[in-house]
Amino acid sequence: MTETKQIERERIREEGFPEPVPLTEEVMSSLSGEQRGILSVLQDLDEEGKRLVDEINARRPTPSGILQVGGGITLCEDEDDWKVITMESRRELKGVKEQMKAKLNEALDHGLGFLDLIQRGCANYGIKP
């Protein structure tokens, strides 16, 4: 069984992130229930974020400018129209990103800074240890 290399946030501040460890089944099984729960929530938030991005991109302006939204047809001629049409999805995506930041901070507080996916997430969302 692999020994988890949990690292305290204070140590990350002083020394930087350690060599990243991939999340394997062996590593996953060595984590506490709370740590596994954090990773599960991060996965759910990531999937929700991807769904929202796909939804937003699906409504990009077309050369014809016609876009079917719900049961109706609307004009979407430029980026401004696109931003207005996708405003609700963008608001939801912003909320998901804020939740991701909070959960990544929680992951660092629970010693998960050794995991490669946490390190990438922190880099992507600008989380400082």
Protein backbone atom coordinates (compact mmCIF):
# COMPACT_ATOMS: atom_id res chain seq x y z
CA MET A 1 0.00 0.00 0.00
CA THR A 2 1.27 3.46 -0.88
CA GLU A 3 1.88 5.80 2.00
CA THR A 4 0.13 9.11 1.41
CA LYS A 5 2.42 12.07 1.35
CA GLN A 6 0.08 14.51 3.03
CA ILE A 7 1.60 17.94 3.36
CA GLU A 8 0.54 20.78 5.58
CA ARG A 9 -0.30 24.12 4.00
CA GLU A 10 2.34 25.94 6.07
CA ARG A 11 5.04 23.65 4.72
CA ILE A 12 3.87 24.31 1.15
CA ARG A 13 4.14 28.06 1.84
CA GLU A 14 7.71 27.62 3.05
CA GLU A 15 9.02 25.01 0.60
CA GLY A 16 6.62 25.14 -2.34
CA PHE A 17 4.60 22.25 -3.68
CA PRO A 18 6.27 18.83 -3.48
CA GLU A 19 6.73 16.55 -6.45
CA PRO A 20 3.15 15.89 -7.67
CA VAL A 21 1.66 12.46 -7.05
CA PRO A 22 -0.96 11.10 -9.48
CA LEU A 23 -4.27 10.05 -7.98
CA THR A 24 -4.30 6.27 -8.23
CA GLU A 25 -6.68 3.81 -6.64
CA GLU A 26 -3.95 2.95 -4.17
CA VAL A 27 -3.52 6.60 -3.15
CA MET A 28 -7.30 7.08 -3.06
CA SER A 29 -7.73 4.12 -0.71
CA SER A 30 -5.16 5.58 1.69
CA LEU A 31 -7.09 8.86 2.08
CA SER A 32 -9.55 9.61 4.84
CA GLY A 33 -13.27 9.71 4.12
CA GLU A 34 -13.23 13.49 4.42
CA GLN A 35 -10.38 13.79 1.89
CA ARG A 36 -12.17 11.46 -0.54
CA GLY A 37 -15.30 13.59 -0.09
CA ILE A 38 -13.38 16.74 -1.03
CA LEU A 39 -12.06 15.06 -4.18
CA SER A 40 -15.54 13.84 -5.07
CA VAL A 41 -16.99 17.35 -4.78
CA LEU A 42 -14.12 18.72 -6.89
CA GLN A 43 -14.89 16.14 -9.57
CA ASP A 44 -18.60 17.04 -9.54
CA LEU A 45 -17.81 20.77 -9.78
CA ASP A 46 -15.40 20.12 -12.65
CA GLU A 47 -18.05 18.18 -14.56
CA GLU A 48 -20.63 20.93 -13.94
CA GLY A 49 -18.15 23.56 -15.13
CA LYS A 50 -17.46 21.61 -18.32
CA ARG A 51 -21.19 21.23 -18.95
CA LEU A 52 -21.74 24.97 -18.59
CA VAL A 53 -18.80 25.82 -20.86
CA ASP A 54 -20.18 23.46 -23.51
CA GLU A 55 -23.62 25.06 -23.13
CA ILE A 56 -22.16 28.55 -23.53
CA ASN A 57 -20.04 27.57 -26.53
CA ALA A 58 -22.99 25.85 -28.21
CA ARG A 59 -24.66 29.24 -28.41
CA ARG A 60 -21.78 31.03 -30.15
CA PRO A 61 -22.83 33.29 -33.00
CA THR A 62 -23.19 31.49 -36.32
CA PRO A 63 -22.43 33.02 -39.73
CA SER A 64 -26.18 33.23 -40.39
CA GLY A 65 -26.81 34.87 -37.02
CA ILE A 66 -29.77 32.60 -36.29
CA LEU A 67 -29.76 30.64 -33.09
CA GLN A 68 -32.35 28.32 -31.64
CA VAL A 69 -32.78 28.94 -27.91
CA GLY A 70 -35.29 26.80 -26.08
CA GLY A 71 -38.34 26.58 -28.32
CA GLY A 72 -37.73 29.81 -30.21
CA ILE A 73 -35.35 31.32 -32.70
CA THR A 74 -33.32 34.42 -31.95
CA LEU A 75 -30.70 36.52 -33.68
CA CYS A 76 -27.18 36.26 -32.38
CA GLU A 77 -25.05 38.38 -34.68
CA ASP A 78 -22.04 39.20 -32.55
CA GLU A 79 -20.16 38.57 -29.30
CA ASP A 80 -22.34 41.05 -27.38
CA ASP A 81 -25.53 39.18 -28.32
CA TRP A 82 -23.85 35.92 -27.38
CA LYS A 83 -22.87 37.27 -23.95
CA VAL A 84 -26.43 38.43 -23.26
CA ILE A 85 -27.97 35.15 -24.44
CA THR A 86 -25.58 33.13 -22.26
CA MET A 87 -25.70 35.46 -19.25
CA GLU A 88 -27.45 32.97 -16.94
CA SER A 89 -25.04 30.15 -17.83
CA ARG A 90 -22.10 32.51 -17.30
CA ARG A 91 -23.45 33.46 -13.87
CA GLU A 92 -23.75 29.78 -12.96
CA LEU A 93 -20.22 29.11 -14.24
CA LYS A 94 -18.87 31.94 -12.11
CA GLY A 95 -20.52 30.33 -9.07
CA VAL A 96 -19.01 26.95 -9.91
CA LYS A 97 -15.56 28.54 -10.20
CA GLU A 98 -15.96 30.18 -6.79
CA GLN A 99 -16.98 26.82 -5.31
CA MET A 100 -13.93 25.21 -6.95
CA LYS A 101 -11.63 27.80 -5.37
CA ALA A 102 -13.17 27.22 -1.94
CA LYS A 103 -12.91 23.43 -2.29
CA LEU A 104 -9.28 23.64 -3.49
CA ASN A 105 -8.46 25.72 -0.42
CA GLU A 106 -10.17 23.08 1.70
CA ALA A 107 -8.11 20.38 -0.04
CA LEU A 108 -4.92 22.24 0.88
CA ASP A 109 -6.14 22.58 4.47
CA HIS A 110 -6.65 18.79 4.59
CA GLY A 111 -3.15 17.89 3.39
CA LEU A 112 -3.97 17.11 -0.26
CA GLY A 113 -1.41 19.52 -1.76
CA PHE A 114 0.78 16.58 -2.78
CA LEU A 115 -1.73 15.46 -5.46
CA ASP A 116 -1.07 16.49 -9.03
CA LEU A 117 -4.71 17.38 -9.68
CA ILE A 118 -4.80 19.70 -6.65
CA GLN A 119 -1.57 21.38 -7.74
CA ARG A 120 -2.94 21.90 -11.28
CA GLY A 121 -6.24 23.18 -9.89
CA CYS A 122 -4.44 25.66 -7.65
CA ALA A 123 -2.39 26.90 -10.62
CA ASN A 124 -5.50 27.18 -12.83
CA TYR A 125 -7.55 29.06 -10.23
CA GLY A 126 -4.76 31.19 -8.77
CA ILE A 127 -4.87 29.57 -5.33
CA LYS A 128 -1.85 30.41 -3.22
CA PRO A 129 -0.93 28.07 -0.36
